[in-house]
Amino acid sequence: IYVGTDFGPGSMTRSSYPRIAKEWTRGTPLASATTVYEGKPGDLAVSAYRDLTPGYERDFVHVATDFFHGETYLRKDGKLVKLDVPSDASPDAHREWLLVTLRSPWTVGGATYPGGALIATRFDDFMAGKRTFTVLFRPDAHTALSYYAWTRHHLILDELHDVQSRLEVLTPRAGEWQREAMPGAPAMSTVDVVDTDPDHSDEYWLTVTG
């Protein structure tokens, strides 16, 4: 188990969040936990976590330098490898995919992606140095991405078009992903995905306010 807490003097950041992430083994005292990452006192917070998706178990360390910037590392074979994305972007590994939500424009691999975009690539390809992305969402003057949610085989995008909810269902494909409107999602409403079961099914739970 990964744990971040007050381990004693100097173990917290100046913002009073954990500065040190440790690995704690069942049946041993907390004092024997081994250090995985030690941040700087001026960092906002340090955390470590494990992705338990069957067949895609991965360990990560995240260092938040402030509320809008940070760095994410893959922990593999006891070593940390940085995910080379902008410090104000949000990387998200899910199964074989890496999704990156951008806050500011990013020029990489011979292409420029705008702030507010959601882009995707295969996780292993990215870690091997490839930088070819598929744009899953591109904002415009009327449309922004509110959030997204995975099901077992699909990705649901919740977009705000002139402040109205518009849900799209994307299906991973080589090159451009297949996309279609969410069936049954009413227009002129606020629609939220409450929950999904990304490990086992394509069921989803919506709430609608009209």
C-alpha atoms as a PDB file:
ATOM      1  CA  ILE A   1       0.000   0.000   0.000  1.00  0.00           C
ATOM      2  CA  TYR A   2       1.189   3.536  -0.736  1.00  0.00           C
ATOM      3  CA  VAL A   3       0.914   5.969   2.135  1.00  0.00           C
ATOM      4  CA  GLY A   4       1.481   9.692   2.551  1.00  0.00           C
ATOM      5  CA  THR A   5       1.111  11.181   6.014  1.00  0.00           C
ATOM      6  CA  ASP A   6       2.903  13.132   8.697  1.00  0.00           C
ATOM      7  CA  PHE A   7       5.969  10.967   9.291  1.00  0.00           C
ATOM      8  CA  GLY A   8       7.467  13.527  11.619  1.00  0.00           C
ATOM      9  CA  PRO A   9       9.253  16.901  11.433  1.00  0.00           C
ATOM     10  CA  GLY A  10       9.979  17.954   7.841  1.00  0.00           C
ATOM     11  CA  SER A  11       7.748  15.338   6.220  1.00  0.00           C
ATOM     12  CA  MET A  12       5.000  17.786   5.239  1.00  0.00           C
ATOM     13  CA  THR A  13       5.101  20.549   2.630  1.00  0.00           C
ATOM     14  CA  ARG A  14       4.709  24.184   3.591  1.00  0.00           C
ATOM     15  CA  SER A  15       1.097  23.798   2.385  1.00  0.00           C
ATOM     16  CA  SER A  16       0.617  21.059   5.046  1.00  0.00           C
ATOM     17  CA  TYR A  17       0.247  18.170   2.558  1.00  0.00           C
ATOM     18  CA  PRO A  18       2.424  15.027   2.485  1.00  0.00           C
ATOM     19  CA  ARG A  19       5.892  15.668   1.074  1.00  0.00           C
ATOM     20  CA  ILE A  20       6.977  12.014   1.103  1.00  0.00           C
ATOM     21  CA  ALA A  21       5.304   8.965  -0.498  1.00  0.00           C
ATOM     22  CA  LYS A  22       6.200   5.567   0.972  1.00  0.00           C
ATOM     23  CA  GLU A  23       5.445   1.913   0.286  1.00  0.00           C
ATOM     24  CA  TRP A  24       4.078   0.106   3.308  1.00  0.00           C
ATOM     25  CA  THR A  25       4.072  -3.703   3.544  1.00  0.00           C
ATOM     26  CA  ARG A  26       1.276  -5.593   5.279  1.00  0.00           C
ATOM     27  CA  GLY A  27       2.161  -6.809   8.758  1.00  0.00           C
ATOM     28  CA  THR A  28       5.018  -4.364   9.284  1.00  0.00           C
ATOM     29  CA  PRO A  29       5.130  -1.151  11.351  1.00  0.00           C
ATOM     30  CA  LEU A  30       4.570   2.122   9.523  1.00  0.00           C
ATOM     31  CA  ALA A  31       8.035   3.218  10.589  1.00  0.00           C
ATOM     32  CA  SER A  32       9.543   0.554   8.313  1.00  0.00           C
ATOM     33  CA  ALA A  33       7.796   1.837   5.156  1.00  0.00           C
ATOM     34  CA  THR A  34      10.285   2.573   2.371  1.00  0.00           C
ATOM     35  CA  THR A  35      10.478   5.945   0.630  1.00  0.00           C
ATOM     36  CA  VAL A  36       9.264   5.993  -2.971  1.00  0.00           C
ATOM     37  CA  TYR A  37       9.547   9.730  -3.612  1.00  0.00           C
ATOM     38  CA  GLU A  38      10.548  12.739  -1.550  1.00  0.00           C
ATOM     39  CA  GLY A  39       9.404  16.145  -2.741  1.00  0.00           C
ATOM     40  CA  LYS A  40      10.575  19.635  -1.897  1.00  0.00           C
ATOM     41  CA  PRO A  41       9.133  21.658   0.997  1.00  0.00           C
ATOM     42  CA  GLY A  42       7.841  24.174  -1.554  1.00  0.00           C
ATOM     43  CA  ASP A  43       5.866  21.543  -3.493  1.00  0.00           C
ATOM     44  CA  LEU A  44       2.142  21.443  -2.873  1.00  0.00           C
ATOM     45  CA  ALA A  45       1.780  17.689  -2.314  1.00  0.00           C
ATOM     46  CA  VAL A  46       3.257  14.293  -3.215  1.00  0.00           C
ATOM     47  CA  SER A  47       1.186  11.146  -3.694  1.00  0.00           C
ATOM     48  CA  ALA A  48       1.621   7.617  -5.026  1.00  0.00           C
ATOM     49  CA  TYR A  49      -1.053   5.216  -6.253  1.00  0.00           C
ATOM     50  CA  ARG A  50      -1.593   1.940  -8.089  1.00  0.00           C
ATOM     51  CA  ASP A  51      -3.887   1.425 -11.069  1.00  0.00           C
ATOM     52  CA  LEU A  52      -5.603  -1.884 -10.330  1.00  0.00           C
ATOM     53  CA  THR A  53      -7.181  -2.378 -13.793  1.00  0.00           C
ATOM     54  CA  PRO A  54      -6.826  -6.141 -14.474  1.00  0.00           C
ATOM     55  CA  GLY A  55      -4.034  -6.747 -16.953  1.00  0.00           C
ATOM     56  CA  TYR A  56      -2.882  -3.127 -16.835  1.00  0.00           C
ATOM     57  CA  GLU A  57      -1.638  -2.762 -13.267  1.00  0.00           C
ATOM     58  CA  ARG A  58       0.671   0.247 -13.064  1.00  0.00           C
ATOM     59  CA  ASP A  59       2.168   2.364 -10.272  1.00  0.00           C
ATOM     60  CA  PHE A  60       2.402   6.145 -10.402  1.00  0.00           C
ATOM     61  CA  VAL A  61       3.807   9.017  -8.378  1.00  0.00           C
ATOM     62  CA  HIS A  62       2.315  12.491  -8.735  1.00  0.00           C
ATOM     63  CA  VAL A  63       4.053  15.657  -7.583  1.00  0.00           C
ATOM     64  CA  ALA A  64       1.779  18.709  -7.461  1.00  0.00           C
ATOM     65  CA  THR A  65       3.879  21.872  -7.530  1.00  0.00           C
ATOM     66  CA  ASP A  66       0.719  23.991  -7.177  1.00  0.00           C
ATOM     67  CA  PHE A  67      -2.999  23.543  -7.867  1.00  0.00           C
ATOM     68  CA  PHE A  68      -2.499  23.862 -11.634  1.00  0.00           C
ATOM     69  CA  HIS A  69       0.930  22.332 -12.305  1.00  0.00           C
ATOM     70  CA  GLY A  70       2.601  19.043 -11.528  1.00  0.00           C
ATOM     71  CA  GLU A  71       4.587  16.041 -12.732  1.00  0.00           C
ATOM     72  CA  THR A  72       3.543  12.396 -13.041  1.00  0.00           C
ATOM     73  CA  TYR A  73       5.961   9.461 -12.969  1.00  0.00           C
ATOM     74  CA  LEU A  74       5.513   5.797 -13.859  1.00  0.00           C
ATOM     75  CA  ARG A  75       7.104   3.577 -11.221  1.00  0.00           C
ATOM     76  CA  LYS A  76       8.443   0.409 -12.814  1.00  0.00           C
ATOM     77  CA  ASP A  77      11.055  -2.011 -11.487  1.00  0.00           C
ATOM     78  CA  GLY A  78      11.834   0.411  -8.683  1.00  0.00           C
ATOM     79  CA  LYS A  79      12.581   3.297 -11.051  1.00  0.00           C
ATOM     80  CA  LEU A  80      10.592   6.443 -11.809  1.00  0.00           C
ATOM     81  CA  VAL A  81      10.061   7.516 -15.435  1.00  0.00           C
ATOM     82  CA  LYS A  82       8.483  10.918 -16.008  1.00  0.00           C
ATOM     83  CA  LEU A  83       5.444  11.204 -18.281  1.00  0.00           C
ATOM     84  CA  ASP A  84       6.717  13.861 -20.662  1.00  0.00           C
ATOM     85  CA  VAL A  85       3.657  16.100 -20.898  1.00  0.00           C
ATOM     86  CA  PRO A  86       3.301  19.831 -20.099  1.00  0.00           C
ATOM     87  CA  SER A  87       3.278  20.622 -16.387  1.00  0.00           C
ATOM     88  CA  ASP A  88      -0.213  22.160 -16.653  1.00  0.00           C
ATOM     89  CA  ALA A  89      -1.670  19.162 -18.535  1.00  0.00           C
ATOM     90  CA  SER A  90      -3.491  16.212 -16.948  1.00  0.00           C
ATOM     91  CA  PRO A  91      -2.325  12.749 -18.102  1.00  0.00           C
ATOM     92  CA  ASP A  92      -4.606   9.756 -17.539  1.00  0.00           C
ATOM     93  CA  ALA A  93      -3.586   6.153 -18.235  1.00  0.00           C
ATOM     94  CA  HIS A  94      -6.436   3.721 -18.900  1.00  0.00           C
ATOM     95  CA  ARG A  95      -5.765   0.220 -20.185  1.00  0.00           C
ATOM     96  CA  GLU A  96      -3.641   0.578 -23.329  1.00  0.00           C
ATOM     97  CA  TRP A  97      -4.423   4.274 -23.711  1.00  0.00           C
ATOM     98  CA  LEU A  98      -2.947   7.526 -22.458  1.00  0.00           C
ATOM     99  CA  LEU A  99      -5.291  10.526 -22.515  1.00  0.00           C
ATOM    100  CA  VAL A 100      -3.952  14.040 -22.013  1.00  0.00           C
ATOM    101  CA  THR A 101      -6.178  17.009 -21.169  1.00  0.00           C
ATOM    102  CA  LEU A 102      -4.469  20.260 -22.149  1.00  0.00           C
ATOM    103  CA  ARG A 103      -4.819  23.619 -20.430  1.00  0.00           C
ATOM    104  CA  SER A 104      -2.503  25.445 -22.847  1.00  0.00           C
ATOM    105  CA  PRO A 105      -1.362  24.776 -26.454  1.00  0.00           C
ATOM    106  CA  TRP A 106       1.208  21.992 -26.891  1.00  0.00           C
ATOM    107  CA  THR A 107       3.440  21.538 -29.928  1.00  0.00           C
ATOM    108  CA  VAL A 108       4.778  17.987 -30.111  1.00  0.00           C
ATOM    109  CA  GLY A 109       5.479  15.439 -32.824  1.00  0.00           C
ATOM    110  CA  GLY A 110       5.172  18.072 -35.542  1.00  0.00           C
ATOM    111  CA  ALA A 111       1.631  19.107 -34.532  1.00  0.00           C
ATOM    112  CA  THR A 112       0.138  21.777 -32.270  1.00  0.00           C
ATOM    113  CA  TYR A 113      -2.834  20.915 -30.057  1.00  0.00           C
ATOM    114  CA  PRO A 114      -4.899  23.753 -28.531  1.00  0.00           C
ATOM    115  CA  GLY A 115      -5.566  24.396 -24.882  1.00  0.00           C
ATOM    116  CA  GLY A 116      -8.778  22.690 -23.801  1.00  0.00           C
ATOM    117  CA  ALA A 117      -8.206  19.740 -26.147  1.00  0.00           C
ATOM    118  CA  LEU A 118      -8.322  16.063 -25.189  1.00  0.00           C
ATOM    119  CA  ILE A 119      -5.787  13.921 -27.063  1.00  0.00           C
ATOM    120  CA  ALA A 120      -4.994  10.208 -26.968  1.00  0.00           C
ATOM    121  CA  THR A 121      -2.196   7.808 -27.817  1.00  0.00           C
ATOM    122  CA  ARG A 122      -1.195   4.296 -26.838  1.00  0.00           C
ATOM    123  CA  PHE A 123       0.494   4.332 -23.440  1.00  0.00           C
ATOM    124  CA  ASP A 124       3.349   1.965 -24.322  1.00  0.00           C
ATOM    125  CA  ASP A 125       4.067   3.857 -27.553  1.00  0.00           C
ATOM    126  CA  PHE A 126       4.258   7.132 -25.625  1.00  0.00           C
ATOM    127  CA  MET A 127       6.626   5.711 -23.023  1.00  0.00           C
ATOM    128  CA  ALA A 128       8.772   4.390 -25.888  1.00  0.00           C
ATOM    129  CA  GLY A 129       9.132   7.929 -27.246  1.00  0.00           C
ATOM    130  CA  LYS A 130       6.431   8.108 -29.926  1.00  0.00           C
ATOM    131  CA  ARG A 131       4.447  11.349 -30.021  1.00  0.00           C
ATOM    132  CA  THR A 132       1.569  10.724 -32.426  1.00  0.00           C
ATOM    133  CA  PHE A 133      -1.809  11.695 -30.929  1.00  0.00           C
ATOM    134  CA  THR A 134      -5.440  11.450 -31.974  1.00  0.00           C
ATOM    135  CA  VAL A 135      -7.581  14.472 -31.106  1.00  0.00           C
ATOM    136  CA  LEU A 136     -10.678  13.264 -29.248  1.00  0.00           C
ATOM    137  CA  PHE A 137     -11.990  16.734 -28.463  1.00  0.00           C
ATOM    138  CA  ARG A 138     -11.091  20.145 -29.854  1.00  0.00           C
ATOM    139  CA  PRO A 139     -12.736  23.225 -28.275  1.00  0.00           C
ATOM    140  CA  ASP A 140     -14.246  26.088 -30.225  1.00  0.00           C
ATOM    141  CA  ALA A 141     -15.862  29.449 -29.400  1.00  0.00           C
ATOM    142  CA  HIS A 142     -19.064  27.706 -28.257  1.00  0.00           C
ATOM    143  CA  THR A 143     -17.929  24.315 -26.952  1.00  0.00           C
ATOM    144  CA  ALA A 144     -15.780  23.116 -24.046  1.00  0.00           C
ATOM    145  CA  LEU A 145     -15.127  19.707 -22.535  1.00  0.00           C
ATOM    146  CA  SER A 146     -16.671  19.329 -19.097  1.00  0.00           C
ATOM    147  CA  TYR A 147     -15.316  15.834 -18.336  1.00  0.00           C
ATOM    148  CA  TYR A 148     -15.104  12.290 -19.674  1.00  0.00           C
ATOM    149  CA  ALA A 149     -15.835   8.799 -18.335  1.00  0.00           C
ATOM    150  CA  TRP A 150     -14.705   5.363 -19.500  1.00  0.00           C
ATOM    151  CA  THR A 151     -16.906   2.310 -19.835  1.00  0.00           C
ATOM    152  CA  ARG A 152     -15.421  -1.095 -20.666  1.00  0.00           C
ATOM    153  CA  HIS A 153     -15.207  -0.449 -24.422  1.00  0.00           C
ATOM    154  CA  HIS A 154     -16.130   3.211 -24.884  1.00  0.00           C
ATOM    155  CA  LEU A 155     -15.312   6.740 -23.770  1.00  0.00           C
ATOM    156  CA  ILE A 156     -18.153   9.142 -22.925  1.00  0.00           C
ATOM    157  CA  LEU A 157     -17.453  12.838 -23.469  1.00  0.00           C
ATOM    158  CA  ASP A 158     -19.617  15.404 -21.687  1.00  0.00           C
ATOM    159  CA  GLU A 159     -19.334  18.611 -23.696  1.00  0.00           C
ATOM    160  CA  LEU A 160     -20.885  21.981 -22.961  1.00  0.00           C
ATOM    161  CA  HIS A 161     -22.196  23.641 -26.135  1.00  0.00           C
ATOM    162  CA  ASP A 162     -23.425  27.138 -25.249  1.00  0.00           C
ATOM    163  CA  VAL A 163     -23.779  25.793 -21.692  1.00  0.00           C
ATOM    164  CA  GLN A 164     -25.985  22.875 -22.816  1.00  0.00           C
ATOM    165  CA  SER A 165     -24.829  19.310 -22.170  1.00  0.00           C
ATOM    166  CA  ARG A 166     -23.972  17.256 -25.236  1.00  0.00           C
ATOM    167  CA  LEU A 167     -22.802  13.675 -24.720  1.00  0.00           C
ATOM    168  CA  GLU A 168     -20.752  11.785 -27.285  1.00  0.00           C
ATOM    169  CA  VAL A 169     -19.709   8.130 -27.234  1.00  0.00           C
ATOM    170  CA  LEU A 170     -16.254   7.402 -28.636  1.00  0.00           C
ATOM    171  CA  THR A 171     -14.953   3.941 -29.484  1.00  0.00           C
ATOM    172  CA  PRO A 172     -11.188   3.404 -29.833  1.00  0.00           C
ATOM    173  CA  ARG A 173     -10.073   2.653 -33.381  1.00  0.00           C
ATOM    174  CA  ALA A 174      -6.793   2.842 -35.263  1.00  0.00           C
ATOM    175  CA  GLY A 175      -6.457   6.457 -36.401  1.00  0.00           C
ATOM    176  CA  GLU A 176      -9.700   8.377 -35.885  1.00  0.00           C
ATOM    177  CA  TRP A 177     -11.909   6.986 -33.148  1.00  0.00           C
ATOM    178  CA  GLN A 178     -15.534   6.173 -33.972  1.00  0.00           C
ATOM    179  CA  ARG A 179     -17.955   8.688 -32.473  1.00  0.00           C
ATOM    180  CA  GLU A 180     -21.727   8.961 -32.147  1.00  0.00           C
ATOM    181  CA  ALA A 181     -24.229  10.906 -30.085  1.00  0.00           C
ATOM    182  CA  MET A 182     -25.234   9.396 -26.752  1.00  0.00           C
ATOM    183  CA  PRO A 183     -28.551   7.608 -27.430  1.00  0.00           C
ATOM    184  CA  GLY A 184     -31.436   8.917 -25.348  1.00  0.00           C
ATOM    185  CA  ALA A 185     -29.643  11.916 -23.865  1.00  0.00           C
ATOM    186  CA  PRO A 186     -32.216  14.746 -24.078  1.00  0.00           C
ATOM    187  CA  ALA A 187     -31.400  18.117 -25.576  1.00  0.00           C
ATOM    188  CA  MET A 188     -31.699  21.434 -23.683  1.00  0.00           C
ATOM    189  CA  SER A 189     -30.789  19.703 -20.408  1.00  0.00           C
ATOM    190  CA  THR A 190     -27.968  19.284 -17.951  1.00  0.00           C
ATOM    191  CA  VAL A 191     -26.817  15.678 -18.226  1.00  0.00           C
ATOM    192  CA  ASP A 192     -24.248  14.115 -15.906  1.00  0.00           C
ATOM    193  CA  VAL A 193     -22.619  10.703 -15.925  1.00  0.00           C
ATOM    194  CA  VAL A 194     -22.913   9.618 -12.298  1.00  0.00           C
ATOM    195  CA  ASP A 195     -20.956   6.384 -12.619  1.00  0.00           C
ATOM    196  CA  THR A 196     -19.680   3.670 -14.952  1.00  0.00           C
ATOM    197  CA  ASP A 197     -18.063   0.242 -14.543  1.00  0.00           C
ATOM    198  CA  PRO A 198     -14.983   0.491 -16.794  1.00  0.00           C
ATOM    199  CA  ASP A 199     -13.555  -2.885 -15.757  1.00  0.00           C
ATOM    200  CA  HIS A 200     -16.571  -5.033 -16.579  1.00  0.00           C
ATOM    201  CA  SER A 201     -19.395  -3.455 -18.610  1.00  0.00           C
ATOM    202  CA  ASP A 202     -20.632  -0.639 -20.838  1.00  0.00           C
ATOM    203  CA  GLU A 203     -23.445   0.311 -18.473  1.00  0.00           C
ATOM    204  CA  TYR A 204     -23.665   3.921 -17.348  1.00  0.00           C
ATOM    205  CA  TRP A 205     -25.827   5.889 -14.957  1.00  0.00           C
ATOM    206  CA  LEU A 206     -27.078   9.341 -15.967  1.00  0.00           C
ATOM    207  CA  THR A 207     -28.860  12.122 -14.145  1.00  0.00           C
ATOM    208  CA  VAL A 208     -30.799  14.660 -16.204  1.00  0.00           C
ATOM    209  CA  THR A 209     -32.013  18.108 -15.176  1.00  0.00           C
ATOM    210  CA  GLY A 210     -34.327  19.821 -17.651  1.00  0.00           C
END
